[in-house]
């Protein structure tokens, strides 16, 4: 009876650790840092709780990557138009110029074709990598700042104080 209890627990732990490694690898592949593994090995609930916490961070990671990719794409199109002699880029760059999500609804066939050309000619041929570099630099800065804040917080925590109120 004890043997049947131990085997599933061991199997759960092994599978949980495989999931932890996959999440860490997936986060790293998009330039994100996963949180520190702060669980006790041998306790299957620890990795599952860690995985749950990381799953909550996943939406934030996706949103931030989407924002950076949107910025990179918009900047890329503006750069191409400017280098092709379009004067509208300068007027849109003025602080009094306003842009709205309404401006991008119902694009013309030509605008859609330019978007497609941007994707195939630029995004697939180096643009994605440029955005990835921006993401990695940004994430490293955030990660480093978190580590500094955690270290500062730990240094102010009272250690081993007994009977202090």
Protein backbone atom coordinates (compact mmCIF):
# COMPACT_ATOMS: atom_id res chain seq x y z
CA UNK A 1 0.00 0.00 0.00
CA UNK A 2 2.78 2.41 0.90
CA UNK A 3 4.53 1.62 -2.39
CA UNK A 4 1.49 2.63 -4.46
CA UNK A 5 1.36 5.94 -2.58
CA UNK A 6 5.04 6.75 -3.12
CA UNK A 7 5.18 5.97 -6.84
CA UNK A 8 2.48 8.41 -7.95
CA UNK A 9 3.99 11.12 -5.73
CA UNK A 10 7.44 10.53 -7.28
CA UNK A 11 5.91 10.54 -10.75
CA UNK A 12 4.10 13.78 -9.97
CA UNK A 13 7.32 15.36 -8.77
CA UNK A 14 9.22 14.29 -11.89
CA UNK A 15 6.46 15.59 -14.18
CA UNK A 16 6.24 18.85 -12.20
CA UNK A 17 9.98 19.40 -12.51
CA UNK A 18 9.77 18.75 -16.27
CA UNK A 19 7.05 21.43 -16.47
CA UNK A 20 9.20 23.85 -14.45
CA UNK A 21 12.09 23.34 -16.89
CA UNK A 22 9.79 23.84 -19.90
CA UNK A 23 8.37 27.07 -18.49
CA UNK A 24 11.84 28.42 -17.67
CA UNK A 25 13.00 27.51 -21.18
CA UNK A 26 9.93 29.07 -22.80
CA UNK A 27 10.31 32.28 -20.83
CA UNK A 28 14.01 32.46 -21.68
CA UNK A 29 13.30 31.93 -25.39
CA UNK A 30 11.26 35.15 -25.46
CA UNK A 31 13.71 37.07 -23.30
CA UNK A 32 11.70 36.81 -20.09
CA UNK A 33 13.01 35.80 -16.71
CA UNK A 34 11.06 33.36 -14.59
CA UNK A 35 10.95 33.75 -10.84
CA UNK A 36 13.33 31.88 -8.61
CA UNK A 37 12.44 28.29 -7.79
CA UNK A 38 11.62 28.73 -4.13
CA UNK A 39 10.23 25.29 -3.40
CA UNK A 40 11.57 22.26 -1.62
CA UNK A 41 12.47 19.42 -3.93
CA UNK A 42 10.52 16.30 -3.06
CA UNK A 43 7.38 18.31 -2.30
CA UNK A 44 5.13 18.00 -5.39
CA UNK A 45 2.93 20.91 -4.29
CA UNK A 46 5.89 23.33 -4.43
CA UNK A 47 6.56 23.09 -8.17
CA UNK A 48 2.82 23.16 -8.90
CA UNK A 49 2.44 26.38 -6.89
CA UNK A 50 5.49 27.82 -8.71
CA UNK A 51 3.97 26.86 -12.07
CA UNK A 52 0.68 28.50 -11.06
CA UNK A 53 2.50 31.73 -10.16
CA UNK A 54 4.41 31.72 -13.44
CA UNK A 55 1.17 31.10 -15.37
CA UNK A 56 -0.20 34.32 -13.86
CA UNK A 57 2.85 36.20 -15.16
CA UNK A 58 2.37 34.76 -18.65
CA UNK A 59 -0.38 37.24 -19.62
CA UNK A 60 1.83 40.16 -18.60
CA UNK A 61 4.70 38.74 -20.64
CA UNK A 62 2.51 38.31 -23.71
CA UNK A 63 1.08 41.82 -23.40
CA UNK A 64 4.48 43.44 -23.02
CA UNK A 65 5.87 41.49 -26.00
CA UNK A 66 2.86 42.47 -28.08
CA UNK A 67 3.33 46.13 -27.15
CA UNK A 68 7.00 46.08 -28.13
CA UNK A 69 6.25 44.30 -31.41
CA UNK A 70 3.49 46.83 -32.22
CA UNK A 71 5.89 49.69 -31.47
CA UNK A 72 8.63 48.10 -33.58
CA UNK A 73 6.24 47.57 -36.49
CA UNK A 74 4.85 51.11 -36.35
CA UNK A 75 8.33 52.59 -36.11
CA UNK A 76 9.47 50.34 -38.96
CA UNK A 77 6.68 51.44 -41.29
CA UNK A 78 7.29 55.11 -40.39
CA UNK A 79 11.02 54.68 -41.09
CA UNK A 80 10.37 53.07 -44.47
CA UNK A 81 7.93 55.81 -45.47
CA UNK A 82 10.30 58.55 -44.33
CA UNK A 83 13.23 57.05 -46.24
CA UNK A 84 11.04 56.80 -49.35
CA UNK A 85 10.44 60.56 -49.15
CA UNK A 86 7.04 60.66 -47.43
CA UNK A 87 6.66 64.04 -45.72
CA UNK A 88 3.67 62.92 -43.65
CA UNK A 89 5.96 61.24 -41.10
CA UNK A 90 7.34 64.62 -40.01
CA UNK A 91 3.90 66.14 -39.61
CA UNK A 92 2.64 63.14 -37.61
CA UNK A 93 5.70 63.35 -35.34
CA UNK A 94 4.67 66.84 -34.17
CA UNK A 95 3.36 66.92 -30.61
CA UNK A 96 0.04 68.49 -31.67
CA UNK A 97 -0.66 65.67 -34.14
CA UNK A 98 -3.08 63.11 -32.73
CA UNK A 99 -3.53 59.51 -33.71
CA UNK A 100 -6.47 57.30 -32.84
CA UNK A 101 -7.35 53.64 -33.15
CA UNK A 102 -10.07 54.89 -35.49
CA UNK A 103 -7.30 55.87 -37.91
CA UNK A 104 -6.42 52.22 -38.54
CA UNK A 105 -9.93 50.84 -39.02
CA UNK A 106 -10.93 49.71 -42.50
CA UNK A 107 -7.51 49.99 -44.17
CA UNK A 108 -7.35 50.41 -47.94
CA UNK A 109 -6.16 47.56 -50.12
CA UNK A 110 -2.86 49.43 -50.58
CA UNK A 111 -2.38 49.86 -46.82
CA UNK A 112 -3.04 46.15 -46.32
CA UNK A 113 -0.55 45.29 -49.06
CA UNK A 114 2.11 47.48 -47.40
CA UNK A 115 1.42 45.73 -44.09
CA UNK A 116 1.90 42.38 -45.80
CA UNK A 117 5.10 43.52 -47.51
CA UNK A 118 6.41 44.84 -44.20
CA UNK A 119 5.76 41.47 -42.60
CA UNK A 120 7.34 39.33 -45.34
CA UNK A 121 10.16 41.66 -46.40
CA UNK A 122 11.15 43.19 -43.07
CA UNK A 123 9.63 41.42 -40.06
CA UNK A 124 10.53 37.93 -41.30
CA UNK A 125 13.99 39.12 -42.39
CA UNK A 126 15.44 40.70 -39.27
CA UNK A 127 12.64 42.85 -37.84
CA UNK A 128 11.53 40.19 -35.38
CA UNK A 129 15.12 39.82 -34.15
CA UNK A 130 15.40 43.59 -33.67
CA UNK A 131 12.25 43.54 -31.54
CA UNK A 132 13.66 40.55 -29.60
CA UNK A 133 16.79 42.56 -28.78
CA UNK A 134 14.64 45.41 -27.43
CA UNK A 135 12.66 42.91 -25.35
CA UNK A 136 15.78 41.27 -23.93
CA UNK A 137 17.36 44.60 -22.97
CA UNK A 138 14.12 45.76 -21.36
CA UNK A 139 13.57 42.49 -19.48
CA UNK A 140 17.17 42.40 -18.25
CA UNK A 141 16.79 45.92 -16.84
CA UNK A 142 13.55 44.96 -15.07
CA UNK A 143 15.08 41.70 -13.79
CA UNK A 144 18.18 43.49 -12.48
CA UNK A 145 16.04 46.14 -10.77
CA UNK A 146 13.94 43.43 -9.08
CA UNK A 147 17.08 41.69 -7.80
CA UNK A 148 18.40 44.96 -6.37
CA UNK A 149 15.04 45.69 -4.70
CA UNK A 150 14.87 42.15 -3.24
CA UNK A 151 18.42 42.45 -1.89
CA UNK A 152 17.62 45.83 -0.33
CA UNK A 153 14.46 44.43 1.23
CA UNK A 154 16.33 41.44 2.67
CA UNK A 155 19.01 43.68 4.13
CA UNK A 156 16.38 45.63 6.11
CA UNK A 157 14.62 42.54 7.48
CA UNK A 158 15.35 41.88 11.16
CA UNK A 159 17.17 38.58 11.50
CA UNK A 160 16.90 36.43 14.56
CA UNK A 161 15.32 39.08 16.75
CA UNK A 162 13.66 37.43 19.70
CA UNK A 163 11.20 39.16 21.95
CA UNK A 164 11.08 42.46 20.05
CA UNK A 165 7.67 44.10 19.81
